[in-house]
Amino acid sequence: MYDRILVPTDGSPGSEAVLTHAETLATTHDSEIHALYVVDTGRFSTLPHEPTWESVTDSLHREGEMALDMVERLVADDVTVTRATAEGSPSQEIVDYANQHGCDLIVMGTHGRGGIDRLLLGSVAERVVRSAHVPVVTVPVETTLQDISEDEQPTGVPQ
C-alpha cells in the first residue's frame, strides 16, 4: 500500500515519536523511509547575504545532517532510509519532495501550537495537509520544559 514514506524531521526531541509511527508503518508495509530536513531560509531572509549568511546556512546544514543521522540511528536496520536536505519554505519543500520522489505517505509531527502563536506562525503540518496530494499522518509531539534548553525557557516558571 505504501512504498515510500516521507518523514520530514527537524531533529527535535519529539521526533522520536514520529519515527516510531513511521517505522511501524514502514515495517508493516515493507516500505522505505525518506527522511527530509528542510533549511528554512525564510526565517533568515532579513540577514545580509554576506559571510554571516554563509555561516548561518552552513550551521543549519550541519544541524540537518545531525537530524538525519538521528533518523538512521533510530530506525531498524531492515528499513531502508534515504536522506535528503532541501532549502526553502518547509511546507512547500515537503510537498515538492513527496511529489518528485513518488512518496505515497507523509508522516510528520505537530507541535501543538495554539492561540496567538498559531495565528502568527502558522503550522507547517497544517499547510502540508492542505496542499499534499498524498495522505498525511500527523503525530502530536509533546515538548516539556525538560526538552527546552535553559536559555530558551520562560522566566518565572518553576522547574
Protein backbone atom coordinates (compact mmCIF):
# COMPACT_ATOMS: atom_id res chain seq x y z
CA MET A 1 0.00 0.00 0.00
CA TYR A 2 2.80 2.42 0.91
CA ASP A 3 6.14 2.08 -0.85
CA ARG A 4 7.85 5.34 0.11
CA ILE A 5 7.08 7.15 3.35
CA LEU A 6 8.32 10.72 3.69
CA VAL A 7 9.34 11.73 7.21
CA PRO A 8 10.25 15.42 7.50
CA THR A 9 12.41 15.94 10.57
CA ASP A 10 13.76 18.89 12.49
CA GLY A 11 15.85 16.84 14.89
CA SER A 12 13.83 17.93 17.91
CA PRO A 13 13.40 15.61 20.90
CA GLY A 14 9.81 14.88 19.84
CA SER A 15 10.97 13.48 16.51
CA GLU A 16 11.30 10.04 18.09
CA ALA A 17 7.51 9.70 18.39
CA VAL A 18 7.15 10.50 14.69
CA LEU A 19 9.86 7.99 13.79
CA THR A 20 8.18 5.28 15.86
CA HIS A 21 4.97 5.70 13.83
CA ALA A 22 6.82 5.88 10.52
CA GLU A 23 8.94 2.83 11.32
CA THR A 24 5.87 0.80 12.29
CA LEU A 25 4.18 1.72 9.01
CA ALA A 26 7.35 1.01 7.01
CA THR A 27 7.77 -2.40 8.64
CA THR A 28 4.10 -3.30 8.18
CA HIS A 29 4.02 -2.27 4.50
CA ASP A 30 7.62 -3.19 3.62
CA SER A 31 8.25 0.46 2.75
CA GLU A 32 11.31 2.65 2.62
CA ILE A 33 11.59 5.87 4.61
CA HIS A 34 12.66 9.14 3.03
CA ALA A 35 13.98 11.42 5.78
CA LEU A 36 13.92 15.10 4.81
CA TYR A 37 15.42 18.06 6.64
CA VAL A 38 14.43 21.49 5.33
CA VAL A 39 16.64 24.52 5.95
CA ASP A 40 14.02 27.22 6.45
CA THR A 41 15.66 30.05 4.51
CA GLY A 42 12.68 32.34 5.09
CA ARG A 43 13.47 32.62 8.79
CA PHE A 44 16.75 34.31 7.94
CA SER A 45 15.76 36.36 4.90
CA THR A 46 16.45 39.64 6.69
CA LEU A 47 20.11 38.79 7.26
CA PRO A 48 22.59 40.35 4.86
CA HIS A 49 23.87 37.96 2.21
CA GLU A 50 27.45 38.18 3.36
CA PRO A 51 29.78 35.77 5.14
CA THR A 52 27.31 35.85 8.06
CA TRP A 53 24.63 34.28 5.87
CA GLU A 54 27.02 31.57 4.69
CA SER A 55 27.94 30.66 8.26
CA VAL A 56 24.24 30.51 9.20
CA THR A 57 23.37 28.21 6.30
CA ASP A 58 26.45 26.06 6.98
CA SER A 59 25.35 25.72 10.59
CA LEU A 60 21.78 24.85 9.57
CA HIS A 61 23.03 22.22 7.12
CA ARG A 62 25.18 20.66 9.87
CA GLU A 63 22.10 20.65 12.12
CA GLY A 64 20.22 18.91 9.33
CA GLU A 65 22.91 16.25 8.96
CA MET A 66 22.68 15.54 12.69
CA ALA A 67 18.87 15.26 12.45
CA LEU A 68 19.18 12.83 9.54
CA ASP A 69 21.85 10.85 11.42
CA MET A 70 19.35 10.52 14.28
CA VAL A 71 16.74 9.09 11.90
CA GLU A 72 19.17 6.46 10.65
CA ARG A 73 20.19 5.55 14.22
CA LEU A 74 16.62 5.16 15.46
CA VAL A 75 15.10 3.28 12.52
CA ALA A 76 15.52 -0.50 12.39
CA ASP A 77 18.27 -1.86 10.17
CA ASP A 78 15.80 -3.73 7.97
CA VAL A 79 14.11 -0.46 6.90
CA THR A 80 15.82 1.42 4.05
CA VAL A 81 16.35 5.12 4.81
CA THR A 82 17.03 7.69 2.09
CA ARG A 83 18.36 11.02 3.35
CA ALA A 84 17.69 14.42 1.80
CA THR A 85 18.14 18.09 2.61
CA ALA A 86 16.31 20.99 0.96
CA GLU A 87 16.28 24.77 1.34
CA GLY A 88 13.18 26.95 1.28
CA SER A 89 9.73 27.06 2.81
CA PRO A 90 9.36 23.83 4.84
CA SER A 91 5.77 23.09 3.85
CA GLN A 92 6.42 23.70 0.16
CA GLU A 93 9.66 21.70 0.16
CA ILE A 94 7.95 18.77 1.91
CA VAL A 95 5.11 18.66 -0.62
CA ASP A 96 7.52 19.11 -3.55
CA TYR A 97 9.79 16.32 -2.30
CA ALA A 98 6.82 13.95 -1.90
CA ASN A 99 5.70 14.69 -5.46
CA GLN A 100 9.16 14.46 -7.03
CA HIS A 101 10.15 11.21 -5.30
CA GLY A 102 6.87 9.32 -5.54
CA CYS A 103 6.24 9.25 -1.80
CA ASP A 104 2.77 7.90 -1.11
CA LEU A 105 2.52 8.87 2.56
CA ILE A 106 3.87 11.69 4.73
CA VAL A 107 4.33 11.14 8.47
CA MET A 108 5.16 14.29 10.41
CA GLY A 109 4.92 15.84 13.84
CA THR A 110 2.71 18.62 15.09
CA HIS A 111 3.97 20.86 17.83
CA GLY A 112 0.52 21.66 19.17
CA ARG A 113 0.81 25.43 18.94
CA GLY A 114 -2.36 27.26 19.71
CA GLY A 115 -3.72 30.72 20.18
CA ILE A 116 -1.67 33.69 19.04
CA ASP A 117 1.43 31.58 18.25
CA ARG A 118 -0.53 29.57 15.70
CA LEU A 119 -2.12 32.69 14.25
CA LEU A 120 1.23 34.43 13.84
CA LEU A 121 3.43 31.48 12.93
CA GLY A 122 1.01 29.17 11.17
CA SER A 123 1.53 25.45 11.09
CA VAL A 124 3.84 23.62 8.71
CA ALA A 125 1.83 20.44 9.27
CA GLU A 126 -1.44 22.21 8.51
CA ARG A 127 -0.07 23.65 5.26
CA VAL A 128 1.25 20.22 4.25
CA VAL A 129 -2.11 18.56 5.00
CA ARG A 130 -3.90 21.18 2.88
CA SER A 131 -1.57 21.01 -0.12
CA ALA A 132 -0.25 17.42 -0.25
CA HIS A 133 -1.61 15.05 -2.87
CA VAL A 134 -0.97 12.02 -0.65
CA PRO A 135 -2.23 11.06 2.81
CA VAL A 136 -0.56 12.82 5.74
CA VAL A 137 -0.32 11.24 9.18
CA THR A 138 0.27 13.84 11.89
CA VAL A 139 1.76 12.76 15.20
CA PRO A 140 1.35 15.05 18.23
CA VAL A 141 4.75 15.95 19.61
CA GLU A 142 4.88 16.93 23.27
CA THR A 143 7.53 19.40 24.37
CA THR A 144 8.21 19.73 28.07
CA LEU A 145 10.42 22.18 29.94
CA GLN A 146 12.98 19.38 30.31
CA ASP A 147 13.25 19.28 26.49
CA ILE A 148 13.99 23.01 26.24
CA SER A 149 17.46 24.37 26.89
CA GLU A 150 17.83 26.60 29.94
CA ASP A 151 18.32 29.80 27.93
CA GLU A 152 15.10 29.17 25.96
CA GLN A 153 12.87 28.56 28.99
CA PRO A 154 10.43 31.25 30.06
CA THR A 155 11.40 33.11 33.20
CA GLY A 156 9.46 32.67 36.40
CA VAL A 157 8.41 29.09 35.63
CA PRO A 158 9.22 26.55 38.37
CA GLN A 159 11.28 23.60 37.19
